[in-house]
Amino acid sequence: MAGRDTGRRGRGPGVEWPTVALIAACYGAWLAAGLFLYPSWPIAAFVILALSVALHSSLIHEALHGHPTRTGWVNEVLVGLPLGLVYPYRRYKTLHLQHHADERLTDPFEDPESYYKARWQHEAMPGWLQGLLRINNTMVGRLIVGPPLATIGFLTSEARLIAAGDKAVRLAWLHHAAGLAIVLPVVIVAFGVPLWLYVLVPVWAGQSIIAVRTYAEHQWSERPDGRTIIVERSPLSFFFLNNNLHLVHHKLPTVAWYRLPARFREKRDEWAAMNGGYVYPNYLALLRSYAFRAKEPVVHPVLRQRPEPGRAFRPRVRQHNVGGLGSAPVPAEPPKE
């Protein structure tokens, strides 16, 4: 069965040169758009800048899974300039690897990337916020209001952790600040783009492009394998680094992006059976069905009660994913009873 493949044979050489070349091309396109296109063709420049921000986000995702080298700090340095400004690499890494505990997918307390809310959370919200979340669960809404909603929610949560004295979070933001100290002068001085305009156009648009992929990546299902989508093809798959084949990635998280399509084609019918047919031919099919209609409810279909104290979940991860140093399992603490 496809899900039993650990992905190790897709690990490849010590340095994955296609990914290194793509990182260089991404930064190069970003610089060229800002330095050479923006003065004369600002709209074309913003299109390329937004695509670069989206691609860079996908490259960060690739790096935190142990690519393109087997050394974690090298991968971090390679994607360390935060073109999208908002998300510190180390925070994205920590939260995303927690998300890869498939048995916890969609849980609003234990899946950091869940869009669901528990009923008690939802009922405590003001009416305008409930309405905004309903809009956010339509595809058009996710592309328009999703980026600022996600950004505000993330920054608020991070501020609380820092205020509570979380040293790891504070260190992640210090590393992020070092990257911003390089990116912001380039944007404001070298490109001549006002910061507010860079945020409102390339950053927002770049997040919206990624939101096309993340909109329906996961849904509630009784079976964990049924919670993760497969979108078979898309012109945007290059900018998503083939993560439209999202179930394949979740089952083979250490396989490089350029190997995922072959892995999918090898056992296409098995993959489709594994997630119970949660398969779309392309993102246009999703848009046609859910442009202005919510695909999922805001309230989680199962989880309704407040979590018990001390139920925080620490997923089982692999050193290869975390630091690029091997593939031995790292024991996780069991949930406290």
C-alpha atoms as a PDB file:
ATOM      1  CA  MET A   1       0.000   0.000   0.000  1.00  0.00           C
ATOM      2  CA  ALA A   2       1.249   3.491  -0.820  1.00  0.00           C
ATOM      3  CA  GLY A   3       1.033   4.690   2.769  1.00  0.00           C
ATOM      4  CA  ARG A   4       3.596   2.128   3.925  1.00  0.00           C
ATOM      5  CA  ASP A   5       6.361   3.694   1.860  1.00  0.00           C
ATOM      6  CA  THR A   6       8.619   5.622   4.239  1.00  0.00           C
ATOM      7  CA  GLY A   7       9.943   7.829   1.461  1.00  0.00           C
ATOM      8  CA  ARG A   8      13.583   7.055   2.179  1.00  0.00           C
ATOM      9  CA  ARG A   9      14.350   5.994  -1.376  1.00  0.00           C
ATOM     10  CA  GLY A  10      13.192   9.444  -2.461  1.00  0.00           C
ATOM     11  CA  ARG A  11      15.732  11.107  -0.223  1.00  0.00           C
ATOM     12  CA  GLY A  12      18.333  11.285  -2.974  1.00  0.00           C
ATOM     13  CA  PRO A  13      21.809  12.793  -2.729  1.00  0.00           C
ATOM     14  CA  GLY A  14      23.293  14.772   0.142  1.00  0.00           C
ATOM     15  CA  VAL A  15      22.534  18.012  -1.711  1.00  0.00           C
ATOM     16  CA  GLU A  16      19.400  18.285  -3.836  1.00  0.00           C
ATOM     17  CA  TRP A  17      20.637  20.639  -6.525  1.00  0.00           C
ATOM     18  CA  PRO A  18      17.250  21.279  -8.212  1.00  0.00           C
ATOM     19  CA  THR A  19      16.042  22.804  -4.954  1.00  0.00           C
ATOM     20  CA  VAL A  20      19.232  24.830  -4.465  1.00  0.00           C
ATOM     21  CA  ALA A  21      18.860  26.195  -8.016  1.00  0.00           C
ATOM     22  CA  LEU A  22      15.207  27.046  -7.394  1.00  0.00           C
ATOM     23  CA  ILE A  23      16.064  28.946  -4.200  1.00  0.00           C
ATOM     24  CA  ALA A  24      18.630  30.995  -6.132  1.00  0.00           C
ATOM     25  CA  ALA A  25      16.130  31.606  -8.946  1.00  0.00           C
ATOM     26  CA  CYS A  26      13.460  32.717  -6.470  1.00  0.00           C
ATOM     27  CA  TYR A  27      15.714  35.301  -4.842  1.00  0.00           C
ATOM     28  CA  GLY A  28      17.008  36.345  -8.261  1.00  0.00           C
ATOM     29  CA  ALA A  29      13.501  36.918  -9.645  1.00  0.00           C
ATOM     30  CA  TRP A  30      12.552  38.883  -6.532  1.00  0.00           C
ATOM     31  CA  LEU A  31      15.607  41.133  -6.847  1.00  0.00           C
ATOM     32  CA  ALA A  32      15.210  41.612 -10.605  1.00  0.00           C
ATOM     33  CA  ALA A  33      11.551  42.542 -10.252  1.00  0.00           C
ATOM     34  CA  GLY A  34      12.262  45.127  -7.583  1.00  0.00           C
ATOM     35  CA  LEU A  35      15.449  46.603  -8.998  1.00  0.00           C
ATOM     36  CA  PHE A  36      14.773  46.607 -12.727  1.00  0.00           C
ATOM     37  CA  LEU A  37      11.037  46.185 -13.384  1.00  0.00           C
ATOM     38  CA  TYR A  38       9.448  48.273 -10.642  1.00  0.00           C
ATOM     39  CA  PRO A  39      10.711  51.706 -11.833  1.00  0.00           C
ATOM     40  CA  SER A  40       9.143  51.299 -15.310  1.00  0.00           C
ATOM     41  CA  TRP A  41       6.596  48.478 -15.061  1.00  0.00           C
ATOM     42  CA  PRO A  42       5.322  48.410 -11.465  1.00  0.00           C
ATOM     43  CA  ILE A  43       2.362  46.109 -12.149  1.00  0.00           C
ATOM     44  CA  ALA A  44       4.573  43.484 -13.790  1.00  0.00           C
ATOM     45  CA  ALA A  45       7.017  43.873 -10.930  1.00  0.00           C
ATOM     46  CA  PHE A  46       4.307  43.302  -8.334  1.00  0.00           C
ATOM     47  CA  VAL A  47       3.117  40.159 -10.130  1.00  0.00           C
ATOM     48  CA  ILE A  48       6.628  38.699 -10.036  1.00  0.00           C
ATOM     49  CA  LEU A  49       7.189  39.838  -6.459  1.00  0.00           C
ATOM     50  CA  ALA A  50       3.944  38.157  -5.350  1.00  0.00           C
ATOM     51  CA  LEU A  51       4.833  34.936  -7.158  1.00  0.00           C
ATOM     52  CA  SER A  52       8.280  35.062  -5.563  1.00  0.00           C
ATOM     53  CA  VAL A  53       6.747  35.471  -2.107  1.00  0.00           C
ATOM     54  CA  ALA A  54       4.472  32.474  -2.743  1.00  0.00           C
ATOM     55  CA  LEU A  55       7.300  30.323  -4.100  1.00  0.00           C
ATOM     56  CA  HIS A  56       9.532  31.304  -1.194  1.00  0.00           C
ATOM     57  CA  SER A  57       6.834  30.183   1.238  1.00  0.00           C
ATOM     58  CA  SER A  58       6.819  26.785  -0.476  1.00  0.00           C
ATOM     59  CA  LEU A  59      10.616  26.651  -0.336  1.00  0.00           C
ATOM     60  CA  ILE A  60      10.503  27.321   3.405  1.00  0.00           C
ATOM     61  CA  HIS A  61       8.134  24.388   3.711  1.00  0.00           C
ATOM     62  CA  GLU A  62      10.579  22.261   1.741  1.00  0.00           C
ATOM     63  CA  ALA A  63      13.504  23.325   3.918  1.00  0.00           C
ATOM     64  CA  LEU A  64      11.825  22.575   7.238  1.00  0.00           C
ATOM     65  CA  HIS A  65      11.251  19.006   6.015  1.00  0.00           C
ATOM     66  CA  GLY A  66      14.992  18.476   5.599  1.00  0.00           C
ATOM     67  CA  HIS A  67      15.751  19.802   2.107  1.00  0.00           C
ATOM     68  CA  PRO A  68      17.841  20.574   0.121  1.00  0.00           C
ATOM     69  CA  THR A  69      20.666  19.359   2.411  1.00  0.00           C
ATOM     70  CA  ARG A  70      20.826  17.040   5.384  1.00  0.00           C
ATOM     71  CA  THR A  71      21.986  19.825   7.700  1.00  0.00           C
ATOM     72  CA  GLY A  72      19.213  21.810   9.340  1.00  0.00           C
ATOM     73  CA  TRP A  73      21.051  25.087   9.841  1.00  0.00           C
ATOM     74  CA  VAL A  74      22.200  25.134   6.204  1.00  0.00           C
ATOM     75  CA  ASN A  75      18.612  24.721   5.032  1.00  0.00           C
ATOM     76  CA  GLU A  76      17.543  27.529   7.337  1.00  0.00           C
ATOM     77  CA  VAL A  77      20.214  29.862   5.977  1.00  0.00           C
ATOM     78  CA  LEU A  78      19.296  29.049   2.366  1.00  0.00           C
ATOM     79  CA  VAL A  79      15.697  30.212   2.818  1.00  0.00           C
ATOM     80  CA  GLY A  80      16.380  32.610   5.685  1.00  0.00           C
ATOM     81  CA  LEU A  81      15.554  35.934   4.020  1.00  0.00           C
ATOM     82  CA  PRO A  82      11.844  36.456   4.805  1.00  0.00           C
ATOM     83  CA  LEU A  83      10.430  37.761   1.533  1.00  0.00           C
ATOM     84  CA  GLY A  84       6.914  37.396   2.939  1.00  0.00           C
ATOM     85  CA  LEU A  85       7.840  39.335   6.107  1.00  0.00           C
ATOM     86  CA  VAL A  86       5.348  37.697   8.489  1.00  0.00           C
ATOM     87  CA  TYR A  87       6.348  34.157   9.497  1.00  0.00           C
ATOM     88  CA  PRO A  88       9.636  33.333  11.270  1.00  0.00           C
ATOM     89  CA  TYR A  89      11.205  30.203   9.829  1.00  0.00           C
ATOM     90  CA  ARG A  90      11.620  28.492  13.201  1.00  0.00           C
ATOM     91  CA  ARG A  91       8.043  29.145  14.241  1.00  0.00           C
ATOM     92  CA  TYR A  92       6.737  27.868  10.918  1.00  0.00           C
ATOM     93  CA  LYS A  93       8.913  24.780  11.343  1.00  0.00           C
ATOM     94  CA  THR A  94       7.737  24.019  14.867  1.00  0.00           C
ATOM     95  CA  LEU A  95       4.065  24.541  14.122  1.00  0.00           C
ATOM     96  CA  HIS A  96       4.082  22.760  10.782  1.00  0.00           C
ATOM     97  CA  LEU A  97       5.769  19.642  12.113  1.00  0.00           C
ATOM     98  CA  GLN A  98       3.112  19.510  14.831  1.00  0.00           C
ATOM     99  CA  HIS A  99       0.542  19.680  12.048  1.00  0.00           C
ATOM    100  CA  HIS A 100       2.021  16.502  10.534  1.00  0.00           C
ATOM    101  CA  ALA A 101       0.527  14.345  13.300  1.00  0.00           C
ATOM    102  CA  ASP A 102      -2.185  13.013  10.982  1.00  0.00           C
ATOM    103  CA  GLU A 103      -4.275  11.576  13.800  1.00  0.00           C
ATOM    104  CA  ARG A 104      -4.717  15.155  15.091  1.00  0.00           C
ATOM    105  CA  LEU A 105      -5.473  16.830  11.765  1.00  0.00           C
ATOM    106  CA  THR A 106      -8.273  19.446  11.894  1.00  0.00           C
ATOM    107  CA  ASP A 107      -8.340  19.483  15.724  1.00  0.00           C
ATOM    108  CA  PRO A 108      -8.523  23.211  16.552  1.00  0.00           C
ATOM    109  CA  PHE A 109      -6.413  22.711  19.689  1.00  0.00           C
ATOM    110  CA  GLU A 110      -3.785  20.236  18.518  1.00  0.00           C
ATOM    111  CA  ASP A 111      -3.479  21.029  14.799  1.00  0.00           C
ATOM    112  CA  PRO A 112      -1.885  24.494  14.447  1.00  0.00           C
ATOM    113  CA  GLU A 113      -3.140  24.754  10.845  1.00  0.00           C
ATOM    114  CA  SER A 114      -6.789  23.911  11.515  1.00  0.00           C
ATOM    115  CA  TYR A 115      -9.449  26.363  10.342  1.00  0.00           C
ATOM    116  CA  TYR A 116     -12.110  24.788  12.569  1.00  0.00           C
ATOM    117  CA  LYS A 117     -13.241  26.166  15.914  1.00  0.00           C
ATOM    118  CA  ALA A 118     -14.778  24.330  18.835  1.00  0.00           C
ATOM    119  CA  ARG A 119     -18.416  25.244  19.407  1.00  0.00           C
ATOM    120  CA  TRP A 120     -17.684  26.989  22.707  1.00  0.00           C
ATOM    121  CA  GLN A 121     -14.976  29.074  21.001  1.00  0.00           C
ATOM    122  CA  HIS A 122     -17.337  30.043  18.225  1.00  0.00           C
ATOM    123  CA  GLU A 123     -20.184  30.958  20.547  1.00  0.00           C
ATOM    124  CA  ALA A 124     -17.878  33.237  22.565  1.00  0.00           C
ATOM    125  CA  MET A 125     -17.007  35.291  19.477  1.00  0.00           C
ATOM    126  CA  PRO A 126     -18.790  38.524  18.536  1.00  0.00           C
ATOM    127  CA  GLY A 127     -21.258  38.216  15.674  1.00  0.00           C
ATOM    128  CA  TRP A 128     -19.119  40.183  13.209  1.00  0.00           C
ATOM    129  CA  LEU A 129     -16.206  37.774  13.728  1.00  0.00           C
ATOM    130  CA  GLN A 130     -18.445  34.738  13.275  1.00  0.00           C
ATOM    131  CA  GLY A 131     -19.615  36.245   9.989  1.00  0.00           C
ATOM    132  CA  LEU A 132     -16.059  36.943   8.893  1.00  0.00           C
ATOM    133  CA  LEU A 133     -15.066  33.347   9.589  1.00  0.00           C
ATOM    134  CA  ARG A 134     -18.006  32.110   7.507  1.00  0.00           C
ATOM    135  CA  ILE A 135     -16.815  34.284   4.634  1.00  0.00           C
ATOM    136  CA  ASN A 136     -13.290  32.965   5.174  1.00  0.00           C
ATOM    137  CA  ASN A 137     -14.581  29.422   4.611  1.00  0.00           C
ATOM    138  CA  THR A 138     -15.608  30.259   1.058  1.00  0.00           C
ATOM    139  CA  MET A 139     -12.815  30.055  -1.480  1.00  0.00           C
ATOM    140  CA  VAL A 140     -13.086  33.674  -2.635  1.00  0.00           C
ATOM    141  CA  GLY A 141     -13.278  34.785   0.972  1.00  0.00           C
ATOM    142  CA  ARG A 142     -10.159  32.786   1.861  1.00  0.00           C
ATOM    143  CA  LEU A 143      -8.200  34.486  -0.926  1.00  0.00           C
ATOM    144  CA  ILE A 144      -9.312  37.997   0.081  1.00  0.00           C
ATOM    145  CA  VAL A 145      -9.767  38.084   3.857  1.00  0.00           C
ATOM    146  CA  GLY A 146      -7.764  34.961   4.684  1.00  0.00           C
ATOM    147  CA  PRO A 147      -4.306  36.579   4.627  1.00  0.00           C
ATOM    148  CA  PRO A 148      -5.042  39.415   7.085  1.00  0.00           C
ATOM    149  CA  LEU A 149      -7.097  37.113   9.329  1.00  0.00           C
ATOM    150  CA  ALA A 150      -4.300  34.553   9.487  1.00  0.00           C
ATOM    151  CA  THR A 151      -1.633  37.221  10.003  1.00  0.00           C
ATOM    152  CA  ILE A 152      -3.487  38.988  12.815  1.00  0.00           C
ATOM    153  CA  GLY A 153      -4.290  35.702  14.538  1.00  0.00           C
ATOM    154  CA  PHE A 154      -0.720  34.464  14.256  1.00  0.00           C
ATOM    155  CA  LEU A 155       0.879  37.697  15.483  1.00  0.00           C
ATOM    156  CA  THR A 156      -1.548  37.924  18.407  1.00  0.00           C
ATOM    157  CA  SER A 157      -0.772  34.354  19.457  1.00  0.00           C
ATOM    158  CA  GLU A 158       2.977  34.914  19.138  1.00  0.00           C
ATOM    159  CA  ALA A 159       2.820  38.106  21.199  1.00  0.00           C
ATOM    160  CA  ARG A 160       1.076  36.205  23.992  1.00  0.00           C
ATOM    161  CA  LEU A 161       3.744  33.490  23.976  1.00  0.00           C
ATOM    162  CA  ILE A 162       6.539  36.046  24.117  1.00  0.00           C
ATOM    163  CA  ALA A 163       4.782  37.943  26.920  1.00  0.00           C
ATOM    164  CA  ALA A 164       4.478  34.648  28.806  1.00  0.00           C
ATOM    165  CA  GLY A 165       8.256  34.222  28.616  1.00  0.00           C
ATOM    166  CA  ASP A 166       8.581  31.544  25.916  1.00  0.00           C
ATOM    167  CA  LYS A 167      12.315  31.675  25.132  1.00  0.00           C
ATOM    168  CA  ALA A 168      12.138  29.523  21.998  1.00  0.00           C
ATOM    169  CA  VAL A 169       9.522  31.789  20.456  1.00  0.00           C
ATOM    170  CA  ARG A 170      11.519  34.886  21.368  1.00  0.00           C
ATOM    171  CA  LEU A 171      14.677  33.419  19.820  1.00  0.00           C
ATOM    172  CA  ALA A 172      12.787  32.537  16.633  1.00  0.00           C
ATOM    173  CA  TRP A 173      11.642  36.132  16.318  1.00  0.00           C
ATOM    174  CA  LEU A 174      15.167  37.428  16.934  1.00  0.00           C
ATOM    175  CA  HIS A 175      16.383  35.301  14.020  1.00  0.00           C
ATOM    176  CA  HIS A 176      13.480  36.617  11.976  1.00  0.00           C
ATOM    177  CA  ALA A 177      14.393  40.192  12.874  1.00  0.00           C
ATOM    178  CA  ALA A 178      17.903  39.594  11.529  1.00  0.00           C
ATOM    179  CA  GLY A 179      16.407  38.534   8.205  1.00  0.00           C
ATOM    180  CA  LEU A 180      14.063  41.529   8.163  1.00  0.00           C
ATOM    181  CA  ALA A 181      17.065  43.795   8.762  1.00  0.00           C
ATOM    182  CA  ILE A 182      18.263  42.720   5.302  1.00  0.00           C
ATOM    183  CA  VAL A 183      14.950  42.444   3.435  1.00  0.00           C
ATOM    184  CA  LEU A 184      13.325  45.701   4.548  1.00  0.00           C
ATOM    185  CA  PRO A 185      16.167  48.042   3.451  1.00  0.00           C
ATOM    186  CA  VAL A 186      16.262  46.263   0.087  1.00  0.00           C
ATOM    187  CA  VAL A 187      12.502  46.752  -0.374  1.00  0.00           C
ATOM    188  CA  ILE A 188      12.313  50.337   0.873  1.00  0.00           C
ATOM    189  CA  VAL A 189      15.673  51.754  -0.283  1.00  0.00           C
ATOM    190  CA  ALA A 190      16.925  49.626  -3.182  1.00  0.00           C
ATOM    191  CA  PHE A 191      13.511  48.875  -4.728  1.00  0.00           C
ATOM    192  CA  GLY A 192      11.963  52.179  -3.701  1.00  0.00           C
ATOM    193  CA  VAL A 193       8.702  50.435  -2.731  1.00  0.00           C
ATOM    194  CA  PRO A 194       6.950  51.903   0.325  1.00  0.00           C
ATOM    195  CA  LEU A 195       6.590  49.285   3.035  1.00  0.00           C
ATOM    196  CA  TRP A 196       2.806  49.679   3.225  1.00  0.00           C
ATOM    197  CA  LEU A 197       2.546  49.072  -0.525  1.00  0.00           C
ATOM    198  CA  TYR A 198       4.809  46.012  -0.368  1.00  0.00           C
ATOM    199  CA  VAL A 199       2.611  44.580   2.395  1.00  0.00           C
ATOM    200  CA  LEU A 200      -0.689  45.364   0.670  1.00  0.00           C
ATOM    201  CA  VAL A 201       0.294  44.021  -2.763  1.00  0.00           C
ATOM    202  CA  PRO A 202       3.131  41.441  -2.993  1.00  0.00           C
ATOM    203  CA  VAL A 203       2.814  40.090   0.565  1.00  0.00           C
ATOM    204  CA  TRP A 204      -0.984  39.920   0.580  1.00  0.00           C
ATOM    205  CA  ALA A 205      -1.140  38.540  -2.976  1.00  0.00           C
ATOM    206  CA  GLY A 206       1.599  36.004  -2.228  1.00  0.00           C
ATOM    207  CA  GLN A 207      -0.350  34.732   0.777  1.00  0.00           C
ATOM    208  CA  SER A 208      -3.494  34.584  -1.366  1.00  0.00           C
ATOM    209  CA  ILE A 209      -1.725  32.395  -3.920  1.00  0.00           C
ATOM    210  CA  ILE A 210      -0.725  29.987  -1.156  1.00  0.00           C
ATOM    211  CA  ALA A 211      -4.325  30.133   0.142  1.00  0.00           C
ATOM    212  CA  VAL A 212      -5.476  28.534  -3.115  1.00  0.00           C
ATOM    213  CA  ARG A 213      -3.567  25.436  -2.011  1.00  0.00           C
ATOM    214  CA  THR A 214      -4.397  25.521   1.681  1.00  0.00           C
ATOM    215  CA  TYR A 215      -8.116  26.301   1.245  1.00  0.00           C
ATOM    216  CA  ALA A 216      -9.236  22.659   1.068  1.00  0.00           C
ATOM    217  CA  GLU A 217      -6.061  20.799   2.046  1.00  0.00           C
ATOM    218  CA  HIS A 218      -7.778  19.208   5.016  1.00  0.00           C
ATOM    219  CA  GLN A 219     -11.310  18.305   6.024  1.00  0.00           C
ATOM    220  CA  TRP A 220     -12.782  16.429   8.958  1.00  0.00           C
ATOM    221  CA  SER A 221     -13.099  12.680   8.428  1.00  0.00           C
ATOM    222  CA  GLU A 222     -13.437   9.776  10.838  1.00  0.00           C
ATOM    223  CA  ARG A 223     -10.407   8.263   9.079  1.00  0.00           C
ATOM    224  CA  PRO A 224      -7.171  10.303   9.358  1.00  0.00           C
ATOM    225  CA  ASP A 225      -6.230   9.404   5.765  1.00  0.00           C
ATOM    226  CA  GLY A 226      -9.531  10.854   4.589  1.00  0.00           C
ATOM    227  CA  ARG A 227      -8.630  14.292   5.929  1.00  0.00           C
ATOM    228  CA  THR A 228      -6.046  15.230   3.304  1.00  0.00           C
ATOM    229  CA  ILE A 229      -6.742  16.246  -0.273  1.00  0.00           C
ATOM    230  CA  ILE A 230      -5.249  15.366  -3.644  1.00  0.00           C
ATOM    231  CA  VAL A 231      -5.513  17.988  -6.407  1.00  0.00           C
ATOM    232  CA  GLU A 232      -4.196  16.166  -9.435  1.00  0.00           C
ATOM    233  CA  ARG A 233      -2.899  19.011 -11.549  1.00  0.00           C
ATOM    234  CA  SER A 234      -2.690  22.788 -11.626  1.00  0.00           C
ATOM    235  CA  PRO A 235      -0.651  25.516 -13.354  1.00  0.00           C
ATOM    236  CA  LEU A 236       0.149  26.642  -9.803  1.00  0.00           C
ATOM    237  CA  SER A 237       1.675  23.301  -8.786  1.00  0.00           C
ATOM    238  CA  PHE A 238       5.154  24.670  -9.543  1.00  0.00           C
ATOM    239  CA  PHE A 239       4.662  27.495  -7.020  1.00  0.00           C
ATOM    240  CA  PHE A 240       3.228  24.974  -4.564  1.00  0.00           C
ATOM    241  CA  LEU A 241       6.179  22.621  -5.162  1.00  0.00           C
ATOM    242  CA  ASN A 242       3.663  19.884  -5.960  1.00  0.00           C
ATOM    243  CA  ASN A 243       1.990  20.114  -2.584  1.00  0.00           C
ATOM    244  CA  ASN A 244      -1.313  19.990  -4.409  1.00  0.00           C
ATOM    245  CA  LEU A 245      -0.612  16.236  -4.078  1.00  0.00           C
ATOM    246  CA  HIS A 246      -0.991  16.837  -0.386  1.00  0.00           C
ATOM    247  CA  LEU A 247      -1.819  13.335   0.790  1.00  0.00           C
ATOM    248  CA  VAL A 248       1.337  12.074  -0.908  1.00  0.00           C
ATOM    249  CA  HIS A 249       3.355  14.686   0.963  1.00  0.00           C
ATOM    250  CA  HIS A 250       1.769  13.806   4.302  1.00  0.00           C
ATOM    251  CA  LYS A 251       2.523  10.132   3.805  1.00  0.00           C
ATOM    252  CA  LEU A 252       6.025  10.741   2.407  1.00  0.00           C
ATOM    253  CA  PRO A 253       7.117  13.984   4.118  1.00  0.00           C
ATOM    254  CA  THR A 254      10.829  13.509   3.395  1.00  0.00           C
ATOM    255  CA  VAL A 255      10.424  13.080  -0.366  1.00  0.00           C
ATOM    256  CA  ALA A 256      11.703  16.066  -2.376  1.00  0.00           C
ATOM    257  CA  TRP A 257       9.128  18.176  -4.210  1.00  0.00           C
ATOM    258  CA  TYR A 258      10.284  17.156  -7.685  1.00  0.00           C
ATOM    259  CA  ARG A 259       9.782  13.459  -6.887  1.00  0.00           C
ATOM    260  CA  LEU A 260       6.192  13.728  -5.631  1.00  0.00           C
ATOM    261  CA  PRO A 261       4.427  13.563  -9.050  1.00  0.00           C
ATOM    262  CA  ALA A 262       6.151  10.295  -9.951  1.00  0.00           C
ATOM    263  CA  ARG A 263       5.262   8.818  -6.582  1.00  0.00           C
ATOM    264  CA  PHE A 264       1.649   9.820  -7.173  1.00  0.00           C
ATOM    265  CA  ARG A 265       1.519   8.410 -10.707  1.00  0.00           C
ATOM    266  CA  GLU A 266       3.005   5.089  -9.578  1.00  0.00           C
ATOM    267  CA  LYS A 267      -0.039   4.324  -7.413  1.00  0.00           C
ATOM    268  CA  ARG A 268      -2.666   6.879  -8.366  1.00  0.00           C
ATOM    269  CA  ASP A 269      -5.649   4.618  -7.658  1.00  0.00           C
ATOM    270  CA  GLU A 270      -4.227   3.534  -4.310  1.00  0.00           C
ATOM    271  CA  TRP A 271      -3.746   7.124  -3.209  1.00  0.00           C
ATOM    272  CA  ALA A 272      -7.321   7.983  -4.228  1.00  0.00           C
ATOM    273  CA  ALA A 273      -8.667   4.971  -2.349  1.00  0.00           C
ATOM    274  CA  MET A 274      -6.586   5.829   0.695  1.00  0.00           C
ATOM    275  CA  ASN A 275      -8.249   9.214   1.232  1.00  0.00           C
ATOM    276  CA  GLY A 276     -11.705   7.948   0.295  1.00  0.00           C
ATOM    277  CA  GLY A 277     -11.841   9.811  -3.002  1.00  0.00           C
ATOM    278  CA  TYR A 278     -11.048  13.252  -1.603  1.00  0.00           C
ATOM    279  CA  VAL A 279      -9.616  14.077  -5.016  1.00  0.00           C
ATOM    280  CA  TYR A 280     -10.147  17.071  -7.291  1.00  0.00           C
ATOM    281  CA  PRO A 281      -8.888  17.328 -10.881  1.00  0.00           C
ATOM    282  CA  ASN A 282      -7.771  20.958 -10.405  1.00  0.00           C
ATOM    283  CA  TYR A 283      -8.370  24.075  -8.319  1.00  0.00           C
ATOM    284  CA  LEU A 284     -10.858  25.424 -10.847  1.00  0.00           C
ATOM    285  CA  ALA A 285     -13.202  22.592  -9.869  1.00  0.00           C
ATOM    286  CA  LEU A 286     -12.925  23.703  -6.248  1.00  0.00           C
ATOM    287  CA  LEU A 287     -13.565  27.313  -7.221  1.00  0.00           C
ATOM    288  CA  ARG A 288     -16.658  26.394  -9.211  1.00  0.00           C
ATOM    289  CA  SER A 289     -18.125  24.564  -6.244  1.00  0.00           C
ATOM    290  CA  TYR A 290     -17.063  26.809  -3.380  1.00  0.00           C
ATOM    291  CA  ALA A 291     -16.301  30.278  -4.716  1.00  0.00           C
ATOM    292  CA  PHE A 292     -19.069  31.827  -2.596  1.00  0.00           C
ATOM    293  CA  ARG A 293     -20.185  28.786  -0.598  1.00  0.00           C
ATOM    294  CA  ALA A 294     -18.440  27.465   2.477  1.00  0.00           C
ATOM    295  CA  LYS A 295     -16.927  24.036   1.937  1.00  0.00           C
ATOM    296  CA  GLU A 296     -16.647  23.335   5.665  1.00  0.00           C
ATOM    297  CA  PRO A 297     -18.474  24.656   8.737  1.00  0.00           C
ATOM    298  CA  VAL A 298     -16.567  26.927  11.078  1.00  0.00           C
ATOM    299  CA  VAL A 299     -17.496  24.717  14.052  1.00  0.00           C
ATOM    300  CA  HIS A 300     -15.636  21.426  14.152  1.00  0.00           C
ATOM    301  CA  PRO A 301     -18.139  18.642  13.352  1.00  0.00           C
ATOM    302  CA  VAL A 302     -17.039  16.514  16.316  1.00  0.00           C
ATOM    303  CA  LEU A 303     -15.082  18.549  18.852  1.00  0.00           C
ATOM    304  CA  ARG A 304     -17.507  20.629  20.886  1.00  0.00           C
ATOM    305  CA  GLN A 305     -16.290  20.668  24.483  1.00  0.00           C
ATOM    306  CA  ARG A 306     -13.465  22.504  26.185  1.00  0.00           C
ATOM    307  CA  PRO A 307     -10.215  20.493  26.232  1.00  0.00           C
ATOM    308  CA  GLU A 308      -9.206  18.930  29.526  1.00  0.00           C
ATOM    309  CA  PRO A 309      -6.239  20.573  31.290  1.00  0.00           C
ATOM    310  CA  GLY A 310      -2.877  19.134  30.320  1.00  0.00           C
ATOM    311  CA  ARG A 311      -3.982  17.553  27.046  1.00  0.00           C
ATOM    312  CA  ALA A 312      -1.384  19.254  24.879  1.00  0.00           C
ATOM    313  CA  PHE A 313      -0.150  16.849  22.206  1.00  0.00           C
ATOM    314  CA  ARG A 314       3.487  16.456  21.200  1.00  0.00           C
ATOM    315  CA  PRO A 315       3.655  14.498  17.943  1.00  0.00           C
ATOM    316  CA  ARG A 316       6.169  11.844  17.063  1.00  0.00           C
ATOM    317  CA  VAL A 317       8.556  13.395  14.566  1.00  0.00           C
ATOM    318  CA  ARG A 318      11.769  12.369  12.871  1.00  0.00           C
ATOM    319  CA  GLN A 319      15.189  13.954  13.306  1.00  0.00           C
ATOM    320  CA  HIS A 320      15.461  14.015   9.538  1.00  0.00           C
ATOM    321  CA  ASN A 321      12.500  16.402   9.386  1.00  0.00           C
ATOM    322  CA  VAL A 322      13.618  18.530  12.289  1.00  0.00           C
ATOM    323  CA  GLY A 323      17.324  18.854  11.766  1.00  0.00           C
ATOM    324  CA  GLY A 324      18.251  16.958   8.637  1.00  0.00           C
ATOM    325  CA  LEU A 325      20.515  14.673  10.649  1.00  0.00           C
ATOM    326  CA  GLY A 326      18.991  11.249  10.141  1.00  0.00           C
ATOM    327  CA  SER A 327      15.722   9.392  10.268  1.00  0.00           C
ATOM    328  CA  ALA A 328      15.626   7.855  13.728  1.00  0.00           C
ATOM    329  CA  PRO A 329      12.328   8.451  15.547  1.00  0.00           C
ATOM    330  CA  VAL A 330      12.383  10.952  18.378  1.00  0.00           C
ATOM    331  CA  PRO A 331      10.221   9.730  21.287  1.00  0.00           C
ATOM    332  CA  ALA A 332       7.302  11.982  22.055  1.00  0.00           C
ATOM    333  CA  GLU A 333       5.789  12.525  25.459  1.00  0.00           C
ATOM    334  CA  PRO A 334       2.444  10.748  25.724  1.00  0.00           C
ATOM    335  CA  PRO A 335      -0.613  12.908  26.375  1.00  0.00           C
ATOM    336  CA  LYS A 336      -1.059  13.478  30.061  1.00  0.00           C
ATOM    337  CA  GLU A 337      -4.110  11.884  31.568  1.00  0.00           C
END
